[in-house]
Protein backbone atom coordinates (compact mmCIF):
# COMPACT_ATOMS: atom_id res chain seq x y z
CA MET A 1 97.65 0.95 33.59
CA ASP A 2 98.41 -1.44 36.35
CA LYS A 3 97.09 -4.10 34.18
CA GLU A 4 99.65 -2.92 31.43
CA ASP A 5 102.83 -3.01 33.68
CA HIS A 6 101.76 -6.44 34.70
CA LYS A 7 101.24 -7.54 31.12
CA ASP A 8 105.00 -6.59 30.76
CA GLU A 9 105.93 -8.65 33.94
CA LYS A 10 104.67 -11.67 32.16
CA LYS A 11 106.06 -11.25 28.72
CA PRO A 12 108.02 -14.55 28.12
CA ARG A 13 111.74 -13.83 27.89
CA ILE A 14 112.69 -15.86 24.17
CA ARG A 15 116.94 -16.14 24.58
CA PRO A 16 116.47 -19.02 27.05
CA ILE A 17 114.27 -20.98 24.60
CA ILE A 18 116.77 -19.99 21.46
CA GLU A 19 119.54 -21.50 23.66
CA ALA A 20 117.62 -24.96 24.49
CA ALA A 21 116.56 -25.19 21.13
CA ASP A 22 120.34 -25.03 19.79
CA SER A 23 121.32 -27.57 22.26
CA LEU A 24 118.58 -29.91 20.73
CA SER A 25 118.99 -29.36 17.30
CA LEU A 26 122.89 -30.43 17.82
CA GLY A 27 121.65 -33.82 19.16
CA LEU A 28 119.07 -33.90 16.26
CA SER A 29 121.49 -32.49 13.54
CA MET A 30 124.05 -35.70 14.72
CA VAL A 31 121.28 -38.44 14.25
CA VAL A 32 120.43 -36.83 10.67
CA ALA A 33 123.96 -36.67 9.86
CA VAL A 34 124.24 -40.53 10.35
CA LEU A 35 121.07 -41.26 9.08
CA ILE A 36 122.16 -39.80 5.87
CA GLY A 37 125.21 -41.17 5.85
CA VAL A 38 123.86 -44.58 6.15
CA GLY A 39 120.95 -43.91 3.36
CA LEU A 40 123.81 -42.62 1.29
CA GLY A 41 125.98 -45.68 2.15
CA TRP A 42 122.84 -47.92 1.38
CA LEU A 43 122.41 -46.32 -1.99
CA LEU A 44 126.17 -46.80 -3.29
CA GLU A 45 125.67 -50.40 -1.97
CA ARG A 46 122.75 -50.64 -4.21
CA LEU A 47 124.12 -48.94 -7.17
CA SER A 48 127.71 -50.76 -7.03
CA GLY A 49 127.06 -53.96 -5.53
CA SER A 50 129.88 -53.68 -3.11
CA HIS A 51 129.29 -53.95 0.74
CA TRP A 52 132.04 -51.82 1.53
CA ALA A 53 129.99 -48.73 -0.20
CA PHE A 54 127.43 -49.04 2.54
CA TRP A 55 130.31 -48.13 5.36
CA VAL A 56 131.90 -45.59 3.24
CA GLY A 57 128.52 -43.99 3.78
CA VAL A 58 128.39 -44.67 7.23
CA VAL A 59 131.68 -43.34 7.62
CA ILE A 60 130.73 -39.87 6.14
CA GLY A 61 127.81 -40.00 8.39
CA ILE A 62 129.61 -40.11 11.36
CA ALA A 63 132.16 -37.78 10.20
CA ALA A 64 129.64 -35.31 9.58
CA ALA A 65 128.20 -35.65 13.05
CA ILE A 66 131.60 -35.06 14.64
CA LEU A 67 131.88 -31.90 12.32
CA ASN A 68 128.78 -30.95 13.81
CA VAL A 69 129.60 -31.12 17.36
CA TYR A 70 133.33 -29.27 16.39
CA LYS A 71 131.33 -26.18 15.14
CA ALA A 72 128.77 -26.24 17.77
CA TYR A 73 132.00 -26.48 20.33
CA SER A 74 133.73 -23.57 18.37
CA LYS A 75 130.84 -21.24 18.33
CA GLN A 76 130.39 -21.93 22.56
CA ALA A 77 133.90 -21.44 23.04
CA GLU A 78 133.60 -18.61 21.21
CA ALA A 79 131.01 -16.95 23.28
CA PHE A 80 132.71 -18.01 26.51
CA ASN A 81 135.75 -16.18 25.19
CA GLU A 82 133.26 -12.95 24.50
CA LEU A 83 131.78 -13.35 27.99
CA ALA A 84 135.17 -13.92 29.59
CA LYS A 85 136.20 -10.38 28.49
CA GLU A 86 133.53 -8.68 30.20
CA PRO A 87 134.95 -6.96 33.70
CA ARG A 88 131.92 -8.57 36.04
CA TYR A 89 133.36 -12.43 34.69
CA ALA A 90 136.98 -11.58 34.99
CA ILE A 91 137.50 -14.16 37.64
CA LYS A 92 140.81 -15.35 36.56
CA LYS A 93 141.87 -11.90 36.63
CA GLN A 94 141.05 -11.65 40.02
CA LEU A 95 142.43 -14.98 41.09
CA GLU A 96 145.79 -13.90 39.59
CA ASP A 97 145.81 -10.82 41.32
CA ASP A 98 144.99 -12.62 44.68
CA GLU A 99 147.94 -15.08 44.29
CA ASP A 100 150.31 -12.04 44.02
CA ASP A 101 148.92 -10.60 47.13
CA GLU A 102 149.89 -13.95 49.22
CA ASP A 103 153.61 -14.64 50.08
CA TYR A 104 154.66 -18.11 50.21
CA GLY A 105 157.78 -18.02 51.52
CA GLU A 106 159.35 -18.60 55.22
CA LYS A 107 156.75 -18.35 57.78
CA SER A 108 158.06 -16.99 61.26
CA TYR A 109 156.07 -17.67 63.97
């Protein structure tokens, strides 16, 4: 039985791995979005014969990368707000309560 208890202690925690992969996927999705935009621009340039069509694809790719960053930021901000609601992490409320206790008026020495 002692080996089973030891085996439970060595179980890997999957959550940090998922969070790290999520952060890595943001970087990869930015690169892929820009590359797809460049490829789309190159294809549009070949089909239409206009140089400006390439830059349209590049702009689309950059816009998609920015959209990916915005979505990831929104997701993290939502998670942060949920975490801030937990009582043990409510530091802002504790700081506000501490400020109310102090008197910044005239000091009499």
